[in-house]
């Protein structure tokens, strides 16, 4: 599933939730950081209770760890970051 997440991000098929935008502001994360973290991620674990994926092992554009929670619908929906 990680490959599909990376492909969707590479195509720009991404929607960022309002909640994720708020977390981005709080943590001073830019859009390029999201794409960098997805491109460099090493794992995507399915969270059945929430029907989403925890994307880990990625780093942002500055080299800092960045974890994303994403949902896969028609687009890749970035639910939150940390």
PDB file of N, CA and C in Angstrom:
ATOM      1  N   UNK A   1       0.820  -1.197   0.000  1.00  0.00           N
ATOM      2  CA  UNK A   1       0.000   0.000   0.000  1.00  0.00           C
ATOM      3  C   UNK A   1       0.867   1.266   0.000  1.00  0.00           C
ATOM      4  N   UNK A   2       2.061   1.163   0.577  1.00  0.00           N
ATOM      5  CA  UNK A   2       2.951   2.323   0.587  1.00  0.00           C
ATOM      6  C   UNK A   2       3.242   2.791  -0.834  1.00  0.00           C
ATOM      7  N   UNK A   3       3.432   1.856  -1.755  1.00  0.00           N
ATOM      8  CA  UNK A   3       3.689   2.241  -3.151  1.00  0.00           C
ATOM      9  C   UNK A   3       2.519   3.024  -3.734  1.00  0.00           C
ATOM     10  N   UNK A   4       1.300   2.606  -3.437  1.00  0.00           N
ATOM     11  CA  UNK A   4       0.126   3.329  -3.937  1.00  0.00           C
ATOM     12  C   UNK A   4       0.059   4.735  -3.342  1.00  0.00           C
ATOM     13  N   UNK A   5       0.348   4.860  -2.061  1.00  0.00           N
ATOM     14  CA  UNK A   5       0.352   6.171  -1.405  1.00  0.00           C
ATOM     15  C   UNK A   5       1.385   7.074  -2.067  1.00  0.00           C
ATOM     16  N   UNK A   6       2.572   6.537  -2.315  1.00  0.00           N
ATOM     17  CA  UNK A   6       3.630   7.324  -2.956  1.00  0.00           C
ATOM     18  C   UNK A   6       3.239   7.730  -4.376  1.00  0.00           C
ATOM     19  N   UNK A   7       2.617   6.812  -5.122  1.00  0.00           N
ATOM     20  CA  UNK A   7       2.183   7.138  -6.489  1.00  0.00           C
ATOM     21  C   UNK A   7       1.127   8.240  -6.485  1.00  0.00           C
ATOM     22  N   UNK A   8       0.168   8.139  -5.590  1.00  0.00           N
ATOM     23  CA  UNK A   8      -0.888   9.160  -5.521  1.00  0.00           C
ATOM     24  C   UNK A   8      -0.287  10.523  -5.192  1.00  0.00           C
ATOM     25  N   UNK A   9       0.651  10.554  -4.256  1.00  0.00           N
ATOM     26  CA  UNK A   9       1.297  11.819  -3.895  1.00  0.00           C
ATOM     27  C   UNK A   9       2.105  12.363  -5.069  1.00  0.00           C
ATOM     28  N   UNK A  10       2.827  11.493  -5.757  1.00  0.00           N
ATOM     29  CA  UNK A  10       3.647  11.926  -6.894  1.00  0.00           C
ATOM     30  C   UNK A  10       2.790  12.515  -8.010  1.00  0.00           C
ATOM     31  N   UNK A  11       1.577  11.990  -8.176  1.00  0.00           N
ATOM     32  CA  UNK A  11       0.658  12.523  -9.190  1.00  0.00           C
ATOM     33  C   UNK A  11      -0.042  13.796  -8.721  1.00  0.00           C
ATOM     34  N   UNK A  12       0.081  14.116  -7.443  1.00  0.00           N
ATOM     35  CA  UNK A  12      -0.595  15.296  -6.911  1.00  0.00           C
ATOM     36  C   UNK A  12      -2.039  15.040  -6.538  1.00  0.00           C
ATOM     37  N   UNK A  13      -2.419  13.768  -6.440  1.00  0.00           N
ATOM     38  CA  UNK A  13      -3.787  13.403  -6.056  1.00  0.00           C
ATOM     39  C   UNK A  13      -3.924  13.455  -4.537  1.00  0.00           C
ATOM     40  N   UNK A  14      -3.769  14.657  -3.981  1.00  0.00           N
ATOM     41  CA  UNK A  14      -3.704  14.829  -2.531  1.00  0.00           C
ATOM     42  C   UNK A  14      -4.666  15.925  -2.090  1.00  0.00           C
ATOM     43  N   UNK A  15      -5.370  15.649  -1.004  1.00  0.00           N
ATOM     44  CA  UNK A  15      -6.207  16.644  -0.336  1.00  0.00           C
ATOM     45  C   UNK A  15      -5.728  16.701   1.108  1.00  0.00           C
ATOM     46  N   UNK A  16      -5.512  17.904   1.617  1.00  0.00           N
ATOM     47  CA  UNK A  16      -5.065  18.077   2.994  1.00  0.00           C
ATOM     48  C   UNK A  16      -6.267  18.522   3.821  1.00  0.00           C
ATOM     49  N   UNK A  17      -6.579  17.774   4.869  1.00  0.00           N
ATOM     50  CA  UNK A  17      -7.734  18.104   5.705  1.00  0.00           C
ATOM     51  C   UNK A  17      -7.493  19.400   6.473  1.00  0.00           C
ATOM     52  N   UNK A  18      -8.566  20.005   6.920  1.00  0.00           N
ATOM     53  CA  UNK A  18      -8.471  21.225   7.730  1.00  0.00           C
ATOM     54  C   UNK A  18      -7.653  20.937   8.983  1.00  0.00           C
ATOM     55  N   UNK A  19      -7.898  19.795   9.597  1.00  0.00           N
ATOM     56  CA  UNK A  19      -7.143  19.427  10.803  1.00  0.00           C
ATOM     57  C   UNK A  19      -5.645  19.344  10.505  1.00  0.00           C
ATOM     58  N   UNK A  20      -5.287  18.719   9.389  1.00  0.00           N
ATOM     59  CA  UNK A  20      -3.869  18.607   9.030  1.00  0.00           C
ATOM     60  C   UNK A  20      -3.264  19.981   8.764  1.00  0.00           C
ATOM     61  N   UNK A  21      -4.020  20.866   8.134  1.00  0.00           N
ATOM     62  CA  UNK A  21      -3.527  22.233   7.895  1.00  0.00           C
ATOM     63  C   UNK A  21      -3.251  22.931   9.216  1.00  0.00           C
ATOM     64  N   UNK A  22      -4.132  22.753  10.191  1.00  0.00           N
ATOM     65  CA  UNK A  22      -3.905  23.343  11.518  1.00  0.00           C
ATOM     66  C   UNK A  22      -2.645  22.781  12.154  1.00  0.00           C
ATOM     67  N   UNK A  23      -2.440  21.467  12.063  1.00  0.00           N
ATOM     68  CA  UNK A  23      -1.228  20.851  12.626  1.00  0.00           C
ATOM     69  C   UNK A  23       0.014  21.341  11.884  1.00  0.00           C
ATOM     70  N   UNK A  24      -0.108  21.542  10.569  1.00  0.00           N
ATOM     71  CA  UNK A  24       1.019  22.062   9.791  1.00  0.00           C
ATOM     72  C   UNK A  24       1.411  23.448  10.293  1.00  0.00           C
ATOM     73  N   UNK A  25       0.435  24.292  10.527  1.00  0.00           N
ATOM     74  CA  UNK A  25       0.723  25.639  11.060  1.00  0.00           C
ATOM     75  C   UNK A  25       1.394  25.542  12.421  1.00  0.00           C
ATOM     76  N   UNK A  26       0.843  24.699  13.301  1.00  0.00           N
ATOM     77  CA  UNK A  26       1.393  24.534  14.652  1.00  0.00           C
ATOM     78  C   UNK A  26       2.847  24.084  14.614  1.00  0.00           C
ATOM     79  N   UNK A  27       3.171  23.209  13.678  1.00  0.00           N
ATOM     80  CA  UNK A  27       4.498  22.594  13.625  1.00  0.00           C
ATOM     81  C   UNK A  27       5.409  23.204  12.561  1.00  0.00           C
ATOM     82  N   UNK A  28       4.916  24.260  11.916  1.00  0.00           N
ATOM     83  CA  UNK A  28       5.685  24.949  10.873  1.00  0.00           C
ATOM     84  C   UNK A  28       6.109  23.985   9.756  1.00  0.00           C
ATOM     85  N   UNK A  29       5.182  23.156   9.341  1.00  0.00           N
ATOM     86  CA  UNK A  29       5.389  22.192   8.262  1.00  0.00           C
ATOM     87  C   UNK A  29       4.817  22.781   6.979  1.00  0.00           C
ATOM     88  N   UNK A  30       5.565  22.705   5.912  1.00  0.00           N
ATOM     89  CA  UNK A  30       5.143  23.211   4.600  1.00  0.00           C
ATOM     90  C   UNK A  30       4.667  22.051   3.721  1.00  0.00           C
ATOM     91  N   UNK A  31       4.014  22.395   2.628  1.00  0.00           N
ATOM     92  CA  UNK A  31       3.536  21.381   1.696  1.00  0.00           C
ATOM     93  C   UNK A  31       4.650  20.492   1.185  1.00  0.00           C
ATOM     94  N   UNK A  32       5.803  21.080   0.894  1.00  0.00           N
ATOM     95  CA  UNK A  32       6.933  20.288   0.384  1.00  0.00           C
ATOM     96  C   UNK A  32       7.388  19.252   1.405  1.00  0.00           C
ATOM     97  N   UNK A  33       7.199  19.575   2.703  1.00  0.00           N
ATOM     98  CA  UNK A  33       7.561  18.623   3.753  1.00  0.00           C
ATOM     99  C   UNK A  33       6.674  17.378   3.699  1.00  0.00           C
ATOM    100  N   UNK A  34       5.384  17.574   3.409  1.00  0.00           N
ATOM    101  CA  UNK A  34       4.465  16.439   3.295  1.00  0.00           C
ATOM    102  C   UNK A  34       4.919  15.500   2.186  1.00  0.00           C
ATOM    103  N   UNK A  35       5.217  16.081   1.022  1.00  0.00           N
ATOM    104  CA  UNK A  35       5.616  15.265  -0.126  1.00  0.00           C
ATOM    105  C   UNK A  35       6.967  14.595   0.108  1.00  0.00           C
ATOM    106  N   UNK A  36       7.880  15.281   0.781  1.00  0.00           N
ATOM    107  CA  UNK A  36       9.174  14.695   1.107  1.00  0.00           C
ATOM    108  C   UNK A  36       9.002  13.508   2.054  1.00  0.00           C
ATOM    109  N   UNK A  37       8.158  13.682   3.063  1.00  0.00           N
ATOM    110  CA  UNK A  37       7.937  12.609   4.039  1.00  0.00           C
ATOM    111  C   UNK A  37       7.283  11.394   3.393  1.00  0.00           C
ATOM    112  N   UNK A  38       6.344  11.628   2.494  1.00  0.00           N
ATOM    113  CA  UNK A  38       5.708  10.497   1.811  1.00  0.00           C
ATOM    114  C   UNK A  38       6.716   9.801   0.897  1.00  0.00           C
ATOM    115  N   UNK A  39       7.471  10.571   0.139  1.00  0.00           N
ATOM    116  CA  UNK A  39       8.441   9.985  -0.798  1.00  0.00           C
ATOM    117  C   UNK A  39       9.505   9.159  -0.081  1.00  0.00           C
ATOM    118  N   UNK A  40       9.885   9.571   1.121  1.00  0.00           N
ATOM    119  CA  UNK A  40      10.948   8.875   1.848  1.00  0.00           C
ATOM    120  C   UNK A  40      10.424   7.866   2.872  1.00  0.00           C
ATOM    121  N   UNK A  41       9.120   7.760   3.031  1.00  0.00           N
ATOM    122  CA  UNK A  41       8.527   6.857   4.023  1.00  0.00           C
ATOM    123  C   UNK A  41       8.941   5.410   3.770  1.00  0.00           C
ATOM    124  N   UNK A  42       9.036   4.667   4.857  1.00  0.00           N
ATOM    125  CA  UNK A  42       9.444   3.266   4.762  1.00  0.00           C
ATOM    126  C   UNK A  42       8.340   2.291   5.154  1.00  0.00           C
ATOM    127  N   UNK A  43       7.234   2.800   5.700  1.00  0.00           N
ATOM    128  CA  UNK A  43       6.175   1.909   6.165  1.00  0.00           C
ATOM    129  C   UNK A  43       4.817   2.603   6.122  1.00  0.00           C
ATOM    130  N   UNK A  44       3.797   1.821   5.820  1.00  0.00           N
ATOM    131  CA  UNK A  44       2.411   2.280   5.922  1.00  0.00           C
ATOM    132  C   UNK A  44       1.631   1.179   6.629  1.00  0.00           C
ATOM    133  N   UNK A  45       1.139   1.479   7.824  1.00  0.00           N
ATOM    134  CA  UNK A  45       0.412   0.492   8.624  1.00  0.00           C
ATOM    135  C   UNK A  45      -1.071   0.835   8.633  1.00  0.00           C
ATOM    136  N   UNK A  46      -1.893  -0.140   8.288  1.00  0.00           N
ATOM    137  CA  UNK A  46      -3.337   0.075   8.252  1.00  0.00           C
ATOM    138  C   UNK A  46      -3.879   0.136   9.671  1.00  0.00           C
ATOM    139  N   UNK A  47      -4.730   1.115   9.916  1.00  0.00           N
ATOM    140  CA  UNK A  47      -5.398   1.286  11.210  1.00  0.00           C
ATOM    141  C   UNK A  47      -6.887   1.020  10.982  1.00  0.00           C
ATOM    142  N   UNK A  48      -7.293  -0.218  11.178  1.00  0.00           N
ATOM    143  CA  UNK A  48      -8.653  -0.653  10.842  1.00  0.00           C
ATOM    144  C   UNK A  48      -9.723   0.128  11.596  1.00  0.00           C
ATOM    145  N   UNK A  49      -9.463   0.465  12.851  1.00  0.00           N
ATOM    146  CA  UNK A  49     -10.469   1.164  13.656  1.00  0.00           C
ATOM    147  C   UNK A  49     -10.801   2.548  13.101  1.00  0.00           C
ATOM    148  N   UNK A  50      -9.883   3.104  12.322  1.00  0.00           N
ATOM    149  CA  UNK A  50     -10.100   4.429  11.726  1.00  0.00           C
ATOM    150  C   UNK A  50     -10.164   4.386  10.201  1.00  0.00           C
ATOM    151  N   UNK A  51      -9.929   3.219   9.629  1.00  0.00           N
ATOM    152  CA  UNK A  51      -9.915   3.038   8.179  1.00  0.00           C
ATOM    153  C   UNK A  51      -8.952   4.016   7.507  1.00  0.00           C
ATOM    154  N   UNK A  52      -7.731   4.115   8.092  1.00  0.00           N
ATOM    155  CA  UNK A  52      -6.712   4.961   7.487  1.00  0.00           C
ATOM    156  C   UNK A  52      -5.347   4.309   7.654  1.00  0.00           C
ATOM    157  N   UNK A  53      -4.330   4.990   7.167  1.00  0.00           N
ATOM    158  CA  UNK A  53      -2.970   4.457   7.155  1.00  0.00           C
ATOM    159  C   UNK A  53      -2.029   5.388   7.899  1.00  0.00           C
ATOM    160  N   UNK A  54      -1.171   4.822   8.731  1.00  0.00           N
ATOM    161  CA  UNK A  54      -0.124   5.572   9.424  1.00  0.00           C
ATOM    162  C   UNK A  54       1.153   5.399   8.604  1.00  0.00           C
ATOM    163  N   UNK A  55       1.625   6.504   8.048  1.00  0.00           N
ATOM    164  CA  UNK A  55       2.796   6.492   7.169  1.00  0.00           C
ATOM    165  C   UNK A  55       4.002   6.964   7.985  1.00  0.00           C
ATOM    166  N   UNK A  56       4.975   6.081   8.159  1.00  0.00           N
ATOM    167  CA  UNK A  56       6.117   6.370   9.023  1.00  0.00           C
ATOM    168  C   UNK A  56       7.440   6.163   8.293  1.00  0.00           C
ATOM    169  N   UNK A  57       8.506   6.613   8.956  1.00  0.00           N
ATOM    170  CA  UNK A  57       9.849   6.424   8.418  1.00  0.00           C
ATOM    171  C   UNK A  57      10.266   7.500   7.442  1.00  0.00           C
ATOM    172  N   UNK A  58       9.406   8.491   7.227  1.00  0.00           N
ATOM    173  CA  UNK A  58       9.720   9.566   6.291  1.00  0.00           C
ATOM    174  C   UNK A  58      10.329  10.771   6.980  1.00  0.00           C
ATOM    175  N   UNK A  59      11.046  11.554   6.188  1.00  0.00           N
ATOM    176  CA  UNK A  59      11.636  12.787   6.711  1.00  0.00           C
ATOM    177  C   UNK A  59      11.154  13.963   5.870  1.00  0.00           C
ATOM    178  N   UNK A  60      11.053  15.113   6.525  1.00  0.00           N
ATOM    179  CA  UNK A  60      10.622  16.316   5.809  1.00  0.00           C
ATOM    180  C   UNK A  60      11.799  16.917   5.047  1.00  0.00           C
ATOM    181  N   UNK A  61      11.584  18.054   4.430  1.00  0.00           N
ATOM    182  CA  UNK A  61      12.612  18.681   3.592  1.00  0.00           C
ATOM    183  C   UNK A  61      13.845  19.105   4.387  1.00  0.00           C
ATOM    184  N   UNK A  62      13.690  19.253   5.712  1.00  0.00           N
ATOM    185  CA  UNK A  62      14.819  19.630   6.564  1.00  0.00           C
ATOM    186  C   UNK A  62      15.504  18.426   7.200  1.00  0.00           C
ATOM    187  N   UNK A  63      15.008  17.230   6.900  1.00  0.00           N
ATOM    188  CA  UNK A  63      15.607  16.023   7.452  1.00  0.00           C
ATOM    189  C   UNK A  63      15.019  15.575   8.773  1.00  0.00           C
ATOM    190  N   UNK A  64      13.926  16.214   9.217  1.00  0.00           N
ATOM    191  CA  UNK A  64      13.274  15.835  10.469  1.00  0.00           C
ATOM    192  C   UNK A  64      12.226  14.752  10.212  1.00  0.00           C
ATOM    193  N   UNK A  65      12.048  13.853  11.181  1.00  0.00           N
ATOM    194  CA  UNK A  65      11.021  12.819  11.064  1.00  0.00           C
ATOM    195  C   UNK A  65       9.644  13.453  10.952  1.00  0.00           C
ATOM    196  N   UNK A  66       8.803  12.897  10.089  1.00  0.00           N
ATOM    197  CA  UNK A  66       7.430  13.377   9.949  1.00  0.00           C
ATOM    198  C   UNK A  66       6.544  12.172   9.660  1.00  0.00           C
ATOM    199  N   UNK A  67       5.563  11.963  10.524  1.00  0.00           N
ATOM    200  CA  UNK A  67       4.590  10.882  10.376  1.00  0.00           C
ATOM    201  C   UNK A  67       3.282  11.478   9.900  1.00  0.00           C
ATOM    202  N   UNK A  68       2.609  10.781   8.993  1.00  0.00           N
ATOM    203  CA  UNK A  68       1.329  11.244   8.465  1.00  0.00           C
ATOM    204  C   UNK A  68       0.277  10.162   8.661  1.00  0.00           C
ATOM    205  N   UNK A  69      -0.939  10.593   8.893  1.00  0.00           N
ATOM    206  CA  UNK A  69      -2.092   9.707   8.858  1.00  0.00           C
ATOM    207  C   UNK A  69      -2.846  10.065   7.590  1.00  0.00           C
ATOM    208  N   UNK A  70      -3.064   9.076   6.732  1.00  0.00           N
ATOM    209  CA  UNK A  70      -3.721   9.332   5.451  1.00  0.00           C
ATOM    210  C   UNK A  70      -4.884   8.361   5.250  1.00  0.00           C
ATOM    211  N   UNK A  71      -5.850   8.819   4.490  1.00  0.00           N
ATOM    212  CA  UNK A  71      -6.959   7.969   4.061  1.00  0.00           C
ATOM    213  C   UNK A  71      -6.907   7.890   2.542  1.00  0.00           C
ATOM    214  N   UNK A  72      -7.246   6.741   2.016  1.00  0.00           N
ATOM    215  CA  UNK A  72      -7.230   6.557   0.571  1.00  0.00           C
ATOM    216  C   UNK A  72      -8.670   6.476   0.084  1.00  0.00           C
ATOM    217  N   UNK A  73      -9.062   7.487  -0.635  1.00  0.00           N
ATOM    218  CA  UNK A  73     -10.391   7.555  -1.258  1.00  0.00           C
ATOM    219  C   UNK A  73     -10.135   7.806  -2.745  1.00  0.00           C
ATOM    220  N   UNK A  74     -10.889   8.697  -3.373  1.00  0.00           N
ATOM    221  CA  UNK A  74     -10.590   9.073  -4.762  1.00  0.00           C
ATOM    222  C   UNK A  74      -9.238   9.771  -4.820  1.00  0.00           C
ATOM    223  N   UNK A  75      -8.910  10.484  -3.745  1.00  0.00           N
ATOM    224  CA  UNK A  75      -7.616  11.149  -3.578  1.00  0.00           C
ATOM    225  C   UNK A  75      -6.960  10.607  -2.322  1.00  0.00           C
ATOM    226  N   UNK A  76      -5.699  10.941  -2.154  1.00  0.00           N
ATOM    227  CA  UNK A  76      -4.996  10.661  -0.914  1.00  0.00           C
ATOM    228  C   UNK A  76      -5.336  11.800   0.036  1.00  0.00           C
ATOM    229  N   UNK A  77      -5.995  11.508   1.134  1.00  0.00           N
ATOM    230  CA  UNK A  77      -6.398  12.543   2.082  1.00  0.00           C
ATOM    231  C   UNK A  77      -5.440  12.518   3.258  1.00  0.00           C
ATOM    232  N   UNK A  78      -4.747  13.631   3.476  1.00  0.00           N
ATOM    233  CA  UNK A  78      -3.862  13.737   4.625  1.00  0.00           C
ATOM    234  C   UNK A  78      -4.724  14.186   5.795  1.00  0.00           C
ATOM    235  N   UNK A  79      -4.895  13.288   6.764  1.00  0.00           N
ATOM    236  CA  UNK A  79      -5.794  13.524   7.890  1.00  0.00           C
ATOM    237  C   UNK A  79      -5.103  14.350   8.963  1.00  0.00           C
ATOM    238  N   UNK A  80      -3.877  13.965   9.317  1.00  0.00           N
ATOM    239  CA  UNK A  80      -3.109  14.702  10.317  1.00  0.00           C
ATOM    240  C   UNK A  80      -1.632  14.368  10.150  1.00  0.00           C
ATOM    241  N   UNK A  81      -0.812  15.109  10.862  1.00  0.00           N
ATOM    242  CA  UNK A  81       0.642  14.899  10.841  1.00  0.00           C
ATOM    243  C   UNK A  81       1.163  15.003  12.258  1.00  0.00           C
ATOM    244  N   UNK A  82       2.309  14.392  12.493  1.00  0.00           N
ATOM    245  CA  UNK A  82       3.013  14.574  13.773  1.00  0.00           C
ATOM    246  C   UNK A  82       4.432  14.097  13.641  1.00  0.00           C
TER     247      UNK A  82
END
